[in-house]
Amino acid sequence: MEKLEKYILLVSFITSFSTLFLLNSTALAMPSIGTEYMMNNVTQNWALTMVSIFISASTIPAGQICSKYGCKKVFVAGCLIFLVGLIVSCISISSEMFVISRAIQGIGYAFYLVAETAIIVLAIDKENRGKSLGIVIVGSYVGSITAPLLGGYLITHFGWRLIFYIMIPLVLFCGLLTILKVNEEWTTNKDDKMDIIGGSLYVIGIILFVYGFSDLLSLTGELSVIIGIVILIILGIYESKIKLPVFKIKMFKNKIFAAYNLTGFFCFFAIAVFDVLFNYYFQYAKGWDPQITGLILIVPPIILAVISPNSGRLSDKIHPQKLSTLGLGVILIPLVALIFVDANTSVYAVIIAMALIAVGTG
């Protein structure tokens, strides 16, 4: 492996680790952050969801910008945006300021993760590409596993701001290393015209749609969902008629591709809430501190780290559709059981449910 590839791999590993570490640590810290800023549960969920909203809204436009102006430039820009978001989180003096910082981080995440993936595919030789992607995935698992342990310890003993402070030197290192040592640039559609109208419709539609769901019990939330759906329908009509769309609607004519995305949407819609729910359950219902909660929340990422690679090997022998269906069936069992959870439910029952969700997901 050449030096350039090693630098790219090092940066990708660190950013993958940092992304998952901060996402999971922030969820663990939300009760402490909520107490400091006197946030209600809705505002706390906003602080967590804001990152996902802006990742969803920014990813596809970031991909088009990346292909036209260069992956290295977009990666560095993503690191800078993310760095600003981290600094704003560290100096936040109100819940509003903290939520805004999370939105900035979401944009940064989207830009550098899109660029990072593209650089690995374009810059690393085929014989090293699979191994490289595997190392990056290991970085994600390391971030997921260490967040409950290290993040919980730091939050309990030093305060929640430290989990943002320790990300600053890591992001700075990745940005500077890319500028100084990655001397190449990668563009795949340099001469293509940017689909500014489609990108704008996509960003506005996604933000309104997701925002509306977070406040669905109010008239504002209902109107936001309806307007978001209308804009996304307009986007679909517009994108199907232009030559170089930012969002390629025609890809969904492929039934397997469409079914995969639809299944993934409903599956993650069903299970994503439990990342937050389990954290709140242990800290609010059971009264545990972030450190103890982290020791329990480490169970799912460890199971995923064991199951996922073996599922990949198993999919070479068993049809992937059958394997996926089996996984969904396993997930369904704890989802039904968790309907009946309350403050008196045994901790062991909740841990078993967490483990089954992780097995099914893996």
Protein backbone atom coordinates (compact mmCIF):
# COMPACT_ATOMS: atom_id res chain seq x y z
CA MET A 1 0.00 0.00 0.00
CA GLU A 2 1.38 3.41 -1.02
CA LYS A 3 1.92 6.31 1.40
CA LEU A 4 -1.02 8.24 -0.08
CA GLU A 5 -3.33 5.28 0.56
CA LYS A 6 -2.06 4.94 4.13
CA TYR A 7 -2.75 8.62 4.85
CA ILE A 8 -6.26 8.31 3.39
CA LEU A 9 -6.92 5.18 5.42
CA LEU A 10 -5.64 6.79 8.66
CA VAL A 11 -7.85 9.85 8.18
CA SER A 12 -10.87 7.70 7.28
CA PHE A 13 -10.39 5.49 10.33
CA ILE A 14 -10.20 8.50 12.67
CA THR A 15 -13.24 10.24 11.17
CA SER A 16 -15.29 7.01 11.27
CA PHE A 17 -14.30 6.50 14.90
CA SER A 18 -15.03 10.14 15.80
CA THR A 19 -18.42 10.13 14.09
CA LEU A 20 -19.79 7.11 15.96
CA PHE A 21 -18.10 8.03 19.22
CA LEU A 22 -19.64 11.50 19.31
CA LEU A 23 -23.08 10.40 18.12
CA ASN A 24 -23.34 7.71 20.81
CA SER A 25 -21.70 9.80 23.54
CA THR A 26 -24.04 12.73 22.87
CA ALA A 27 -27.06 10.46 23.29
CA LEU A 28 -25.59 9.28 26.59
CA ALA A 29 -24.99 12.89 27.68
CA MET A 30 -28.45 14.25 26.79
CA PRO A 31 -29.96 13.86 30.28
CA SER A 32 -27.02 15.86 31.71
CA ILE A 33 -27.26 18.46 28.92
CA GLY A 34 -31.03 18.63 29.38
CA THR A 35 -30.63 19.26 33.10
CA GLU A 36 -28.11 22.08 32.55
CA TYR A 37 -30.24 23.87 29.96
CA MET A 38 -33.57 22.87 31.54
CA MET A 39 -34.67 21.15 28.32
CA ASN A 40 -37.88 19.15 28.13
CA ASN A 41 -37.86 15.78 26.37
CA VAL A 42 -38.96 17.30 23.05
CA THR A 43 -36.03 19.74 23.03
CA GLN A 44 -33.61 16.99 24.03
CA ASN A 45 -34.82 14.87 21.13
CA TRP A 46 -34.41 17.88 18.86
CA ALA A 47 -30.78 18.21 19.93
CA LEU A 48 -30.21 14.57 18.95
CA THR A 49 -32.37 14.56 15.82
CA MET A 50 -30.94 17.79 14.41
CA VAL A 51 -27.76 16.00 13.36
CA SER A 52 -29.72 13.31 11.48
CA ILE A 53 -31.96 15.91 9.81
CA PHE A 54 -29.02 17.83 8.38
CA ILE A 55 -27.09 14.69 7.43
CA SER A 56 -30.18 13.54 5.49
CA ALA A 57 -30.64 16.97 3.91
CA SER A 58 -26.97 17.52 3.02
CA THR A 59 -25.73 14.10 1.87
CA ILE A 60 -27.06 14.08 -1.71
CA PRO A 61 -26.12 17.72 -2.48
CA ALA A 62 -22.70 17.04 -0.92
CA GLY A 63 -22.25 14.12 -3.32
CA GLN A 64 -22.91 16.32 -6.34
CA ILE A 65 -20.59 19.05 -5.04
CA CYS A 66 -17.96 16.40 -4.39
CA SER A 67 -18.08 15.00 -7.92
CA LYS A 68 -17.85 18.46 -9.51
CA TYR A 69 -15.39 20.37 -7.32
CA GLY A 70 -13.28 17.56 -5.88
CA CYS A 71 -13.44 15.08 -3.02
CA LYS A 72 -10.43 16.45 -1.16
CA LYS A 73 -11.85 19.99 -1.11
CA VAL A 74 -15.22 18.75 0.12
CA PHE A 75 -13.60 16.59 2.82
CA VAL A 76 -11.57 19.51 4.16
CA ALA A 77 -14.64 21.77 4.00
CA GLY A 78 -16.62 19.14 5.94
CA CYS A 79 -13.92 19.00 8.63
CA LEU A 80 -13.97 22.82 8.96
CA ILE A 81 -17.78 22.95 9.20
CA PHE A 82 -17.77 20.13 11.74
CA LEU A 83 -15.03 21.90 13.73
CA VAL A 84 -17.18 25.06 13.93
CA GLY A 85 -20.08 22.93 15.19
CA LEU A 86 -17.88 21.38 17.89
CA ILE A 87 -16.64 24.77 19.10
CA VAL A 88 -20.18 26.17 19.24
CA SER A 89 -21.26 23.12 21.31
CA CYS A 90 -18.40 23.69 23.74
CA ILE A 91 -19.25 27.36 24.30
CA SER A 92 -23.05 27.02 24.18
CA ILE A 93 -24.87 29.12 26.78
CA SER A 94 -28.43 28.08 25.89
CA SER A 95 -30.41 25.15 24.52
CA GLU A 96 -31.04 27.06 21.28
CA MET A 97 -27.32 27.61 20.75
CA PHE A 98 -26.60 23.94 21.42
CA VAL A 99 -29.28 22.77 18.95
CA ILE A 100 -27.84 25.09 16.27
CA SER A 101 -24.38 23.64 16.90
CA ARG A 102 -25.79 20.15 16.28
CA ALA A 103 -27.22 21.31 12.93
CA ILE A 104 -23.78 22.62 11.92
CA GLN A 105 -22.22 19.30 12.92
CA GLY A 106 -24.77 17.44 10.77
CA ILE A 107 -23.74 19.42 7.68
CA GLY A 108 -20.06 18.77 8.44
CA TYR A 109 -20.72 15.05 8.95
CA ALA A 110 -22.49 14.79 5.59
CA PHE A 111 -19.73 16.55 3.66
CA TYR A 112 -16.75 14.70 5.07
CA LEU A 113 -18.39 11.25 5.16
CA VAL A 114 -19.51 11.49 1.52
CA ALA A 115 -16.08 12.71 0.45
CA GLU A 116 -14.29 10.10 2.57
CA THR A 117 -16.21 7.21 0.98
CA ALA A 118 -15.63 8.58 -2.52
CA ILE A 119 -11.89 9.03 -1.92
CA ILE A 120 -11.50 5.44 -0.71
CA VAL A 121 -13.27 4.12 -3.81
CA LEU A 122 -11.40 6.40 -6.25
CA ALA A 123 -7.93 6.53 -4.71
CA ILE A 124 -7.24 3.06 -3.31
CA ASP A 125 -6.33 0.18 -5.62
CA LYS A 126 -8.86 -2.60 -6.08
CA GLU A 127 -6.73 -5.19 -4.30
CA ASN A 128 -6.63 -3.00 -1.17
CA ARG A 129 -10.13 -1.49 -1.38
CA GLY A 130 -12.04 -4.23 0.44
CA LYS A 131 -9.46 -4.37 3.22
CA SER A 132 -9.51 -0.57 3.49
CA LEU A 133 -13.30 -0.41 3.76
CA GLY A 134 -13.11 -3.12 6.41
CA ILE A 135 -10.63 -1.06 8.45
CA VAL A 136 -12.90 1.99 8.21
CA ILE A 137 -15.85 -0.10 9.43
CA VAL A 138 -13.69 -1.30 12.33
CA GLY A 139 -13.19 2.39 13.18
CA SER A 140 -16.96 2.79 13.35
CA TYR A 141 -17.29 -0.23 15.64
CA VAL A 142 -14.47 1.01 17.88
CA GLY A 143 -16.29 4.35 18.17
CA SER A 144 -19.58 2.62 18.98
CA ILE A 145 -18.00 0.36 21.59
CA THR A 146 -15.83 2.97 23.33
CA ALA A 147 -18.55 5.65 23.45
CA PRO A 148 -20.60 4.02 26.25
CA LEU A 149 -17.48 3.23 28.29
CA LEU A 150 -15.17 6.20 27.73
CA GLY A 151 -17.98 8.65 27.00
CA GLY A 152 -19.93 7.59 30.09
CA TYR A 153 -16.82 7.92 32.26
CA LEU A 154 -15.94 11.39 30.92
CA ILE A 155 -19.51 12.69 31.24
CA THR A 156 -19.86 11.42 34.82
CA HIS A 157 -16.51 12.70 36.11
CA PHE A 158 -15.65 15.72 33.92
CA GLY A 159 -18.91 16.95 32.40
CA TRP A 160 -20.53 16.55 29.00
CA ARG A 161 -18.55 19.31 27.23
CA LEU A 162 -15.38 17.22 27.33
CA ILE A 163 -16.73 14.77 24.73
CA PHE A 164 -16.87 17.70 22.29
CA TYR A 165 -13.52 19.17 23.33
CA ILE A 166 -11.64 15.91 22.69
CA MET A 167 -13.03 15.77 19.14
CA ILE A 168 -11.47 19.13 18.20
CA PRO A 169 -7.80 17.95 17.95
CA LEU A 170 -8.88 14.79 16.09
CA VAL A 171 -10.81 16.76 13.45
CA LEU A 172 -7.99 19.32 13.16
CA PHE A 173 -5.48 16.51 12.66
CA CYS A 174 -7.58 14.91 9.89
CA GLY A 175 -8.10 18.21 8.07
CA LEU A 176 -4.44 19.25 8.26
CA LEU A 177 -3.13 15.80 7.31
CA THR A 178 -5.40 15.80 4.25
CA ILE A 179 -4.23 19.29 3.20
CA LEU A 180 -0.51 18.57 3.72
CA LYS A 181 -0.14 14.91 2.73
CA VAL A 182 -2.95 14.10 0.27
CA ASN A 183 -1.63 15.83 -2.82
CA GLU A 184 -4.17 14.53 -5.32
CA GLU A 185 -7.72 15.62 -6.14
CA TRP A 186 -10.59 13.51 -7.48
CA THR A 187 -13.46 14.81 -9.61
CA THR A 188 -15.81 12.52 -11.54
CA ASN A 189 -18.21 15.01 -13.18
CA LYS A 190 -16.21 18.23 -13.34
CA ASP A 191 -18.00 19.58 -16.42
CA ASP A 192 -21.55 18.68 -15.34
CA LYS A 193 -23.99 21.43 -14.48
CA MET A 194 -25.05 21.61 -10.83
CA ASP A 195 -28.71 20.83 -10.20
CA ILE A 196 -29.24 23.78 -7.87
CA ILE A 197 -33.05 23.75 -8.12
CA GLY A 198 -33.28 20.01 -7.40
CA GLY A 199 -30.78 20.27 -4.54
CA SER A 200 -32.68 23.15 -2.98
CA LEU A 201 -36.03 21.35 -3.26
CA TYR A 202 -34.49 18.23 -1.72
CA VAL A 203 -32.96 20.08 1.26
CA ILE A 204 -36.12 22.10 2.01
CA GLY A 205 -38.44 19.11 1.55
CA ILE A 206 -36.41 16.77 3.78
CA ILE A 207 -35.99 19.35 6.56
CA LEU A 208 -39.71 20.24 6.61
CA PHE A 209 -40.76 16.58 6.45
CA VAL A 210 -38.50 15.41 9.29
CA TYR A 211 -39.17 18.50 11.40
CA GLY A 212 -42.90 17.95 11.07
CA PHE A 213 -42.64 14.39 12.37
CA SER A 214 -40.77 15.64 15.45
CA ASP A 215 -43.72 17.94 16.28
CA LEU A 216 -46.59 15.95 14.79
CA LEU A 217 -49.07 16.70 17.59
CA SER A 218 -49.14 20.42 16.74
CA LEU A 219 -50.68 22.19 13.75
CA THR A 220 -47.25 23.52 12.80
CA GLY A 221 -45.86 19.98 12.67
CA GLU A 222 -48.76 18.67 10.59
CA LEU A 223 -48.46 21.52 8.10
CA SER A 224 -44.69 21.01 7.92
CA VAL A 225 -45.13 17.32 7.04
CA ILE A 226 -47.74 18.12 4.37
CA ILE A 227 -45.65 20.91 2.81
CA GLY A 228 -42.55 18.70 2.95
CA ILE A 229 -44.35 15.87 1.15
CA VAL A 230 -45.66 18.27 -1.52
CA ILE A 231 -42.15 19.67 -2.11
CA LEU A 232 -40.68 16.15 -2.34
CA ILE A 233 -43.37 15.18 -4.89
CA ILE A 234 -42.49 18.30 -6.90
CA LEU A 235 -38.83 17.26 -6.60
CA GLY A 236 -39.64 13.81 -7.99
CA ILE A 237 -41.48 15.28 -10.99
CA TYR A 238 -38.74 17.82 -11.65
CA GLU A 239 -35.86 15.35 -11.28
CA SER A 240 -37.48 12.85 -13.66
CA LYS A 241 -37.45 15.46 -16.45
CA ILE A 242 -33.91 16.83 -16.32
CA LYS A 243 -30.74 15.31 -17.74
CA LEU A 244 -28.45 15.50 -14.67
CA PRO A 245 -30.59 15.29 -11.54
CA VAL A 246 -29.13 15.55 -8.05
CA PHE A 247 -31.56 12.80 -6.99
CA LYS A 248 -31.91 10.04 -9.59
CA ILE A 249 -35.55 9.04 -9.28
CA LYS A 250 -35.27 6.58 -12.16
CA MET A 251 -33.05 4.32 -10.03
CA PHE A 252 -36.19 3.32 -8.12
CA LYS A 253 -37.51 1.59 -11.24
CA ASN A 254 -35.17 -1.21 -10.21
CA LYS A 255 -37.48 -3.27 -7.96
CA ILE A 256 -34.66 -4.75 -5.86
CA PHE A 257 -33.14 -1.31 -5.25
CA ALA A 258 -36.55 0.15 -4.38
CA ALA A 259 -37.45 -2.74 -2.05
CA TYR A 260 -34.05 -2.53 -0.32
CA ASN A 261 -34.46 1.19 0.40
CA LEU A 262 -38.08 0.88 1.51
CA THR A 263 -37.27 -2.03 3.84
CA GLY A 264 -34.27 -0.18 5.23
CA PHE A 265 -36.39 2.90 5.89
CA PHE A 266 -39.07 1.03 7.82
CA CYS A 267 -36.57 -1.11 9.70
CA PHE A 268 -34.46 1.81 10.92
CA PHE A 269 -37.62 3.83 11.58
CA ALA A 270 -38.68 1.05 13.96
CA ILE A 271 -35.39 0.48 15.80
CA ALA A 272 -33.59 3.85 15.76
CA VAL A 273 -35.78 5.20 18.57
CA PHE A 274 -34.41 2.60 20.97
CA ASP A 275 -30.92 4.11 20.96
CA VAL A 276 -32.47 7.07 22.76
CA LEU A 277 -35.17 5.16 24.63
CA PHE A 278 -32.80 2.72 26.35
CA ASN A 279 -30.53 5.58 27.41
CA TYR A 280 -33.44 7.52 28.92
CA TYR A 281 -34.84 4.36 30.51
CA PHE A 282 -31.66 3.61 32.44
CA GLN A 283 -30.94 7.21 33.46
CA TYR A 284 -34.48 8.44 34.19
CA ALA A 285 -36.53 5.34 35.07
CA LYS A 286 -33.71 3.51 36.87
CA GLY A 287 -31.78 6.57 38.08
CA TRP A 288 -28.36 5.38 36.90
CA ASP A 289 -25.52 7.78 36.06
CA PRO A 290 -24.00 7.97 32.52
CA GLN A 291 -21.05 5.74 33.46
CA ILE A 292 -23.21 2.82 34.65
CA THR A 293 -25.63 3.34 31.76
CA GLY A 294 -22.69 3.21 29.36
CA LEU A 295 -21.62 -0.17 30.71
CA ILE A 296 -25.04 -1.57 29.77
CA LEU A 297 -25.31 0.23 26.43
CA ILE A 298 -22.06 -1.35 25.28
CA VAL A 299 -23.93 -4.66 24.79
CA PRO A 300 -25.51 -3.87 21.36
CA PRO A 301 -22.34 -2.57 19.60
CA ILE A 302 -20.32 -5.58 20.82
CA ILE A 303 -22.98 -7.95 19.46
CA LEU A 304 -23.09 -6.02 16.16
CA ALA A 305 -19.30 -6.17 15.89
CA VAL A 306 -19.44 -9.97 16.24
CA ILE A 307 -22.57 -10.68 14.17
CA SER A 308 -22.12 -8.32 11.19
CA PRO A 309 -18.86 -9.75 9.73
CA ASN A 310 -20.14 -13.31 10.15
CA SER A 311 -23.45 -12.37 8.50
CA GLY A 312 -21.45 -11.09 5.56
CA ARG A 313 -19.73 -14.45 5.21
CA LEU A 314 -23.03 -16.27 5.73
CA SER A 315 -24.66 -14.26 2.92
CA ASP A 316 -22.23 -15.94 0.50
CA LYS A 317 -23.84 -19.29 1.38
CA ILE A 318 -27.45 -18.30 2.16
CA HIS A 319 -29.49 -16.02 -0.08
CA PRO A 320 -29.21 -12.47 1.36
CA GLN A 321 -32.99 -11.96 1.13
CA LYS A 322 -33.59 -14.98 3.37
CA LEU A 323 -30.94 -13.80 5.82
CA SER A 324 -32.42 -10.29 5.93
CA THR A 325 -35.91 -11.66 6.50
CA LEU A 326 -34.59 -13.79 9.36
CA GLY A 327 -32.98 -10.69 10.89
CA LEU A 328 -36.24 -8.72 10.64
CA GLY A 329 -38.07 -11.60 12.31
CA VAL A 330 -35.61 -11.58 15.21
CA ILE A 331 -36.04 -7.80 15.60
CA LEU A 332 -39.84 -8.13 15.68
CA ILE A 333 -39.78 -10.23 18.89
CA PRO A 334 -38.25 -7.58 21.21
CA LEU A 335 -40.19 -4.78 19.50
CA VAL A 336 -43.47 -6.44 20.51
CA ALA A 337 -42.17 -7.22 24.02
CA LEU A 338 -41.00 -3.64 24.61
CA ILE A 339 -44.58 -2.36 24.22
CA PHE A 340 -45.14 -3.50 27.81
CA VAL A 341 -41.99 -1.96 29.37
CA ASP A 342 -42.43 0.34 32.37
CA ALA A 343 -40.31 1.55 35.30
CA ASN A 344 -40.83 -1.76 37.14
CA THR A 345 -39.67 -3.96 34.26
CA SER A 346 -36.62 -6.10 35.07
CA VAL A 347 -33.35 -4.68 33.80
CA TYR A 348 -32.43 -8.15 32.55
CA ALA A 349 -35.53 -8.24 30.33
CA VAL A 350 -34.56 -4.91 28.78
CA ILE A 351 -30.96 -6.07 28.21
CA ILE A 352 -32.21 -9.24 26.49
CA ALA A 353 -34.43 -7.07 24.26
CA MET A 354 -31.43 -4.85 23.42
CA ALA A 355 -29.35 -7.92 22.58
CA LEU A 356 -32.05 -9.40 20.29
CA ILE A 357 -32.41 -6.10 18.41
CA ALA A 358 -28.63 -6.05 17.90
CA VAL A 359 -28.62 -9.70 16.71
CA GLY A 360 -31.42 -9.02 14.22
CA THR A 361 -29.80 -5.84 12.97
CA GLY A 362 -26.45 -7.56 12.53
